[in-house]
C-alpha atoms as a PDB file:
ATOM      1  CA  MET A   1      78.344  49.595  21.834  1.00  0.00           C
ATOM      2  CA  ASN A   2      76.746  48.790  18.079  1.00  0.00           C
ATOM      3  CA  VAL A   3      73.990  47.097  17.448  1.00  0.00           C
ATOM      4  CA  ASN A   4      75.869  44.754  14.842  1.00  0.00           C
ATOM      5  CA  ASP A   5      78.367  43.593  17.643  1.00  0.00           C
ATOM      6  CA  LYS A   6      78.208  40.247  18.540  1.00  0.00           C
ATOM      7  CA  VAL A   7      76.865  39.333  22.441  1.00  0.00           C
ATOM      8  CA  ARG A   8      76.894  36.262  24.311  1.00  0.00           C
ATOM      9  CA  VAL A   9      74.089  35.261  26.299  1.00  0.00           C
ATOM     10  CA  GLU A  10      73.784  32.091  28.617  1.00  0.00           C
ATOM     11  CA  LEU A  11      70.125  31.098  28.517  1.00  0.00           C
ATOM     12  CA  THR A  12      67.698  29.717  30.949  1.00  0.00           C
ATOM     13  CA  GLU A  13      65.307  26.862  30.421  1.00  0.00           C
ATOM     14  CA  LYS A  14      62.608  29.859  29.469  1.00  0.00           C
ATOM     15  CA  GLY A  15      64.608  31.471  27.193  1.00  0.00           C
ATOM     16  CA  LEU A  16      65.676  28.432  25.414  1.00  0.00           C
ATOM     17  CA  GLU A  17      61.727  27.448  24.798  1.00  0.00           C
ATOM     18  CA  VAL A  18      61.463  30.911  23.343  1.00  0.00           C
ATOM     19  CA  TYR A  19      64.331  30.792  20.961  1.00  0.00           C
ATOM     20  CA  ARG A  20      63.320  26.827  19.630  1.00  0.00           C
ATOM     21  CA  GLN A  21      59.311  28.386  19.360  1.00  0.00           C
ATOM     22  CA  HIS A  22      61.031  31.587  16.820  1.00  0.00           C
ATOM     23  CA  HIS A  23      62.786  28.894  14.777  1.00  0.00           C
ATOM     24  CA  GLN A  24      59.873  26.238  14.537  1.00  0.00           C
ATOM     25  CA  LYS A  25      57.488  29.027  13.350  1.00  0.00           C
ATOM     26  CA  PHE A  26      59.976  28.898  10.209  1.00  0.00           C
ATOM     27  CA  CYS A  27      60.413  25.077   9.895  1.00  0.00           C
ATOM     28  CA  ASP A  28      56.167  25.205  10.178  1.00  0.00           C
ATOM     29  CA  ALA A  29      56.025  27.759   7.580  1.00  0.00           C
ATOM     30  CA  VAL A  30      58.362  26.102   4.876  1.00  0.00           C
ATOM     31  CA  PRO A  31      59.242  22.689   3.240  1.00  0.00           C
ATOM     32  CA  LEU A  32      61.410  20.917   6.520  1.00  0.00           C
ATOM     33  CA  ASN A  33      64.053  20.202   4.179  1.00  0.00           C
ATOM     34  CA  THR A  34      64.341  23.823   3.293  1.00  0.00           C
ATOM     35  CA  LEU A  35      66.229  25.005   5.957  1.00  0.00           C
ATOM     36  CA  PRO A  36      68.037  22.423   8.050  1.00  0.00           C
ATOM     37  CA  TRP A  37      69.611  24.854   9.967  1.00  0.00           C
ATOM     38  CA  PHE A  38      66.097  26.484  11.588  1.00  0.00           C
ATOM     39  CA  SER A  39      65.203  22.888  12.080  1.00  0.00           C
ATOM     40  CA  GLU A  40      68.533  22.358  14.331  1.00  0.00           C
ATOM     41  CA  GLN A  41      67.461  25.471  15.836  1.00  0.00           C
ATOM     42  CA  ALA A  42      64.320  24.626  16.826  1.00  0.00           C
ATOM     43  CA  LYS A  43      66.011  21.799  18.968  1.00  0.00           C
ATOM     44  CA  ARG A  44      68.843  23.563  20.189  1.00  0.00           C
ATOM     45  CA  THR A  45      69.789  22.359  23.265  1.00  0.00           C
ATOM     46  CA  GLU A  46      72.909  24.451  23.938  1.00  0.00           C
ATOM     47  CA  PRO A  47      72.173  27.219  26.272  1.00  0.00           C
ATOM     48  CA  VAL A  48      75.128  29.577  24.837  1.00  0.00           C
ATOM     49  CA  LEU A  49      74.307  31.649  22.701  1.00  0.00           C
ATOM     50  CA  GLU A  50      76.404  34.133  20.588  1.00  0.00           C
ATOM     51  CA  VAL A  51      74.683  36.568  17.892  1.00  0.00           C
ATOM     52  CA  GLN A  52      74.664  40.245  17.097  1.00  0.00           C
ATOM     53  CA  LEU A  53      72.890  42.450  19.153  1.00  0.00           C
ATOM     54  CA  TRP A  54      70.096  43.538  16.698  1.00  0.00           C
ATOM     55  CA  ASP A  55      69.179  39.669  16.058  1.00  0.00           C
ATOM     56  CA  LEU A  56      69.362  38.998  19.835  1.00  0.00           C
ATOM     57  CA  MET A  57      67.055  42.127  20.513  1.00  0.00           C
ATOM     58  CA  HIS A  58      64.537  40.275  17.357  1.00  0.00           C
ATOM     59  CA  LEU A  59      64.526  37.476  18.388  1.00  0.00           C
ATOM     60  CA  PHE A  60      63.671  38.145  22.679  1.00  0.00           C
ATOM     61  CA  GLY A  61      62.167  41.521  22.544  1.00  0.00           C
ATOM     62  CA  SER A  62      58.963  40.563  22.894  1.00  0.00           C
ATOM     63  CA  GLU A  63      59.661  38.778  26.369  1.00  0.00           C
ATOM     64  CA  MET A  64      61.221  40.969  27.926  1.00  0.00           C
ATOM     65  CA  HIS A  65      59.337  43.533  30.150  1.00  0.00           C
ATOM     66  CA  ALA A  66      58.912  44.180  33.971  1.00  0.00           C
ATOM     67  CA  GLY A  67      57.590  41.197  35.572  1.00  0.00           C
ATOM     68  CA  ALA A  68      58.494  38.552  32.963  1.00  0.00           C
ATOM     69  CA  GLU A  69      60.350  35.335  33.781  1.00  0.00           C
ATOM     70  CA  ILE A  70      64.467  35.801  32.935  1.00  0.00           C
ATOM     71  CA  LEU A  71      65.732  34.924  29.708  1.00  0.00           C
ATOM     72  CA  PHE A  72      69.493  35.196  30.212  1.00  0.00           C
ATOM     73  CA  LYS A  73      71.195  33.500  33.466  1.00  0.00           C
ATOM     74  CA  CYS A  74      71.898  35.905  35.801  1.00  0.00           C
ATOM     75  CA  ASN A  75      70.001  38.858  33.610  1.00  0.00           C
ATOM     76  CA  GLU A  76      74.130  39.057  31.453  1.00  0.00           C
ATOM     77  CA  ILE A  77      74.786  39.976  27.716  1.00  0.00           C
ATOM     78  CA  GLU A  78      78.355  39.945  27.564  1.00  0.00           C
ATOM     79  CA  VAL A  79      79.764  42.423  24.375  1.00  0.00           C
ATOM     80  CA  ILE A  80      81.909  40.135  22.289  1.00  0.00           C
ATOM     81  CA  HIS A  81      85.423  42.223  21.744  1.00  0.00           C
ATOM     82  CA  GLU A  82      86.403  41.244  18.435  1.00  0.00           C
ATOM     83  CA  GLU A  83      89.989  42.374  18.054  1.00  0.00           C
ATOM     84  CA  SER A  84      90.877  44.750  14.598  1.00  0.00           C
ATOM     85  CA  GLU A  85      92.733  43.284  11.992  1.00  0.00           C
END
């Protein structure tokens, strides 16, 4: 496994909240129409998220500790194996 590998998680309500808050910080820091993707993500309702492993760790690492609310359904992280060309 490599930190650049793509992974898939299904976010819980708490996971969605953390994800939205992360992206809202960028929206609050810059003019609204400068980063439309970030403002879309700040309103995200789709629970399935596919990102590189390093990005998943960056997004949720500070919220993952003993006793914390579960961020991913069943605490599962699925590695997406891409076909080599």
